[in-house]
Amino acid sequence: MAHPHDVVPSIQAELAALGVQSRVYEASGVPFTCRVVLSYTAFIQWEVPTFGTDAEPYLAMASLTVREQGRVLANASFALD
């Protein structure tokens, strides 16, 4: 199981498995030459699991958007209830 802090490497691994090359940029530093951009928001929460004694991080919510030259191509969200 991937650690929640490994969100970006996990996304990149899935893209690579599909034959898609990727690079990571700060939101304000995406080069104009990038035609397709995947942006994401992820919320990591900490909680003591059932039968556990120490708090552990987990991915509570994630939202991903793929844009081509600013136009939204796809959007996906995940949230634990």
C-alpha atoms as a PDB file:
ATOM      1  CA  MET A   1       0.000   0.000   0.000  1.00  0.00           C
ATOM      2  CA  ALA A   2       1.404   3.386  -0.971  1.00  0.00           C
ATOM      3  CA  HIS A   3       2.001   5.921   1.763  1.00  0.00           C
ATOM      4  CA  PRO A   4      -0.303   8.963   1.383  1.00  0.00           C
ATOM      5  CA  HIS A   5       2.738  11.219   1.004  1.00  0.00           C
ATOM      6  CA  ASP A   6       3.552   9.264  -2.148  1.00  0.00           C
ATOM      7  CA  VAL A   7       0.623  10.738  -4.100  1.00  0.00           C
ATOM      8  CA  VAL A   8       2.748  12.307  -6.849  1.00  0.00           C
ATOM      9  CA  PRO A   9       5.058   9.308  -7.388  1.00  0.00           C
ATOM     10  CA  SER A  10       1.990   7.036  -7.477  1.00  0.00           C
ATOM     11  CA  ILE A  11       0.310   9.190 -10.134  1.00  0.00           C
ATOM     12  CA  GLN A  12       3.525   9.297 -12.152  1.00  0.00           C
ATOM     13  CA  ALA A  13       3.880   5.497 -11.947  1.00  0.00           C
ATOM     14  CA  GLU A  14       0.347   5.018 -13.274  1.00  0.00           C
ATOM     15  CA  LEU A  15       0.968   7.497 -16.106  1.00  0.00           C
ATOM     16  CA  ALA A  16       4.240   5.736 -16.987  1.00  0.00           C
ATOM     17  CA  ALA A  17       2.424   2.378 -17.093  1.00  0.00           C
ATOM     18  CA  LEU A  18       0.189   3.955 -19.761  1.00  0.00           C
ATOM     19  CA  GLY A  19       3.206   5.212 -21.690  1.00  0.00           C
ATOM     20  CA  VAL A  20       2.717   8.840 -20.640  1.00  0.00           C
ATOM     21  CA  GLN A  21       5.819  10.837 -19.699  1.00  0.00           C
ATOM     22  CA  SER A  22       5.369  13.361 -16.903  1.00  0.00           C
ATOM     23  CA  ARG A  23       7.247  16.079 -15.067  1.00  0.00           C
ATOM     24  CA  VAL A  24       6.418  17.870 -11.829  1.00  0.00           C
ATOM     25  CA  TYR A  25       6.199  21.679 -11.704  1.00  0.00           C
ATOM     26  CA  GLU A  26       4.974  24.139  -9.114  1.00  0.00           C
ATOM     27  CA  ALA A  27       1.505  25.424 -10.088  1.00  0.00           C
ATOM     28  CA  SER A  28       2.940  28.835 -10.919  1.00  0.00           C
ATOM     29  CA  GLY A  29       5.861  27.405 -12.914  1.00  0.00           C
ATOM     30  CA  VAL A  30       4.228  25.326 -15.655  1.00  0.00           C
ATOM     31  CA  PRO A  31       6.011  26.107 -18.943  1.00  0.00           C
ATOM     32  CA  PHE A  32       3.921  27.488 -21.792  1.00  0.00           C
ATOM     33  CA  THR A  33       5.087  24.536 -23.901  1.00  0.00           C
ATOM     34  CA  CYS A  34       3.132  22.056 -21.704  1.00  0.00           C
ATOM     35  CA  ARG A  35      -0.017  21.417 -23.716  1.00  0.00           C
ATOM     36  CA  VAL A  36      -1.549  18.992 -21.210  1.00  0.00           C
ATOM     37  CA  VAL A  37      -1.488  19.602 -17.453  1.00  0.00           C
ATOM     38  CA  LEU A  38      -2.756  17.378 -14.650  1.00  0.00           C
ATOM     39  CA  SER A  39      -3.410  19.300 -11.442  1.00  0.00           C
ATOM     40  CA  TYR A  40      -4.490  17.792  -8.158  1.00  0.00           C
ATOM     41  CA  THR A  41      -5.554  18.543  -4.626  1.00  0.00           C
ATOM     42  CA  ALA A  42      -5.094  15.945  -1.908  1.00  0.00           C
ATOM     43  CA  PHE A  43      -6.036  16.070   1.755  1.00  0.00           C
ATOM     44  CA  ILE A  44      -4.047  13.886   4.115  1.00  0.00           C
ATOM     45  CA  GLN A  45      -5.519  13.284   7.569  1.00  0.00           C
ATOM     46  CA  TRP A  46      -4.094  11.571  10.613  1.00  0.00           C
ATOM     47  CA  GLU A  47      -6.016   9.133  12.761  1.00  0.00           C
ATOM     48  CA  VAL A  48      -5.393   6.240  15.134  1.00  0.00           C
ATOM     49  CA  PRO A  49      -6.637   3.140  13.314  1.00  0.00           C
ATOM     50  CA  THR A  50      -8.905   0.578  14.944  1.00  0.00           C
ATOM     51  CA  PHE A  51      -6.799  -1.621  17.224  1.00  0.00           C
ATOM     52  CA  GLY A  52      -3.885   0.780  16.757  1.00  0.00           C
ATOM     53  CA  THR A  53      -2.037   2.986  19.192  1.00  0.00           C
ATOM     54  CA  ASP A  54      -0.300   5.513  16.926  1.00  0.00           C
ATOM     55  CA  ALA A  55      -1.843   7.997  14.523  1.00  0.00           C
ATOM     56  CA  GLU A  56      -1.198   7.216  10.850  1.00  0.00           C
ATOM     57  CA  PRO A  57      -1.728   9.347   7.737  1.00  0.00           C
ATOM     58  CA  TYR A  58      -4.314   8.428   5.137  1.00  0.00           C
ATOM     59  CA  LEU A  59      -5.627   9.957   1.942  1.00  0.00           C
ATOM     60  CA  ALA A  60      -9.015  11.419   2.878  1.00  0.00           C
ATOM     61  CA  MET A  61      -9.824  13.280  -0.361  1.00  0.00           C
ATOM     62  CA  ALA A  62      -8.311  13.800  -3.780  1.00  0.00           C
ATOM     63  CA  SER A  63      -9.396  15.718  -6.850  1.00  0.00           C
ATOM     64  CA  LEU A  64      -7.620  15.563 -10.218  1.00  0.00           C
ATOM     65  CA  THR A  65      -8.178  17.659 -13.338  1.00  0.00           C
ATOM     66  CA  VAL A  66      -6.590  17.193 -16.760  1.00  0.00           C
ATOM     67  CA  ARG A  67      -6.469  20.261 -18.998  1.00  0.00           C
ATOM     68  CA  GLU A  68      -5.241  20.718 -22.553  1.00  0.00           C
ATOM     69  CA  GLN A  69      -4.277  24.294 -23.293  1.00  0.00           C
ATOM     70  CA  GLY A  70      -6.562  25.413 -20.449  1.00  0.00           C
ATOM     71  CA  ARG A  71      -9.629  23.410 -21.535  1.00  0.00           C
ATOM     72  CA  VAL A  72     -10.820  20.710 -19.081  1.00  0.00           C
ATOM     73  CA  LEU A  73     -10.543  17.235 -20.617  1.00  0.00           C
ATOM     74  CA  ALA A  74     -11.262  15.142 -17.525  1.00  0.00           C
ATOM     75  CA  ASN A  75     -12.015  15.510 -13.851  1.00  0.00           C
ATOM     76  CA  ALA A  76     -12.092  12.899 -11.077  1.00  0.00           C
ATOM     77  CA  SER A  77     -12.657  13.040  -7.319  1.00  0.00           C
ATOM     78  CA  PHE A  78     -12.329  10.662  -4.389  1.00  0.00           C
ATOM     79  CA  ALA A  79     -13.497  11.179  -0.816  1.00  0.00           C
ATOM     80  CA  LEU A  80     -13.821   8.922   2.198  1.00  0.00           C
ATOM     81  CA  ASP A  81     -17.067   9.238   4.082  1.00  0.00           C
END
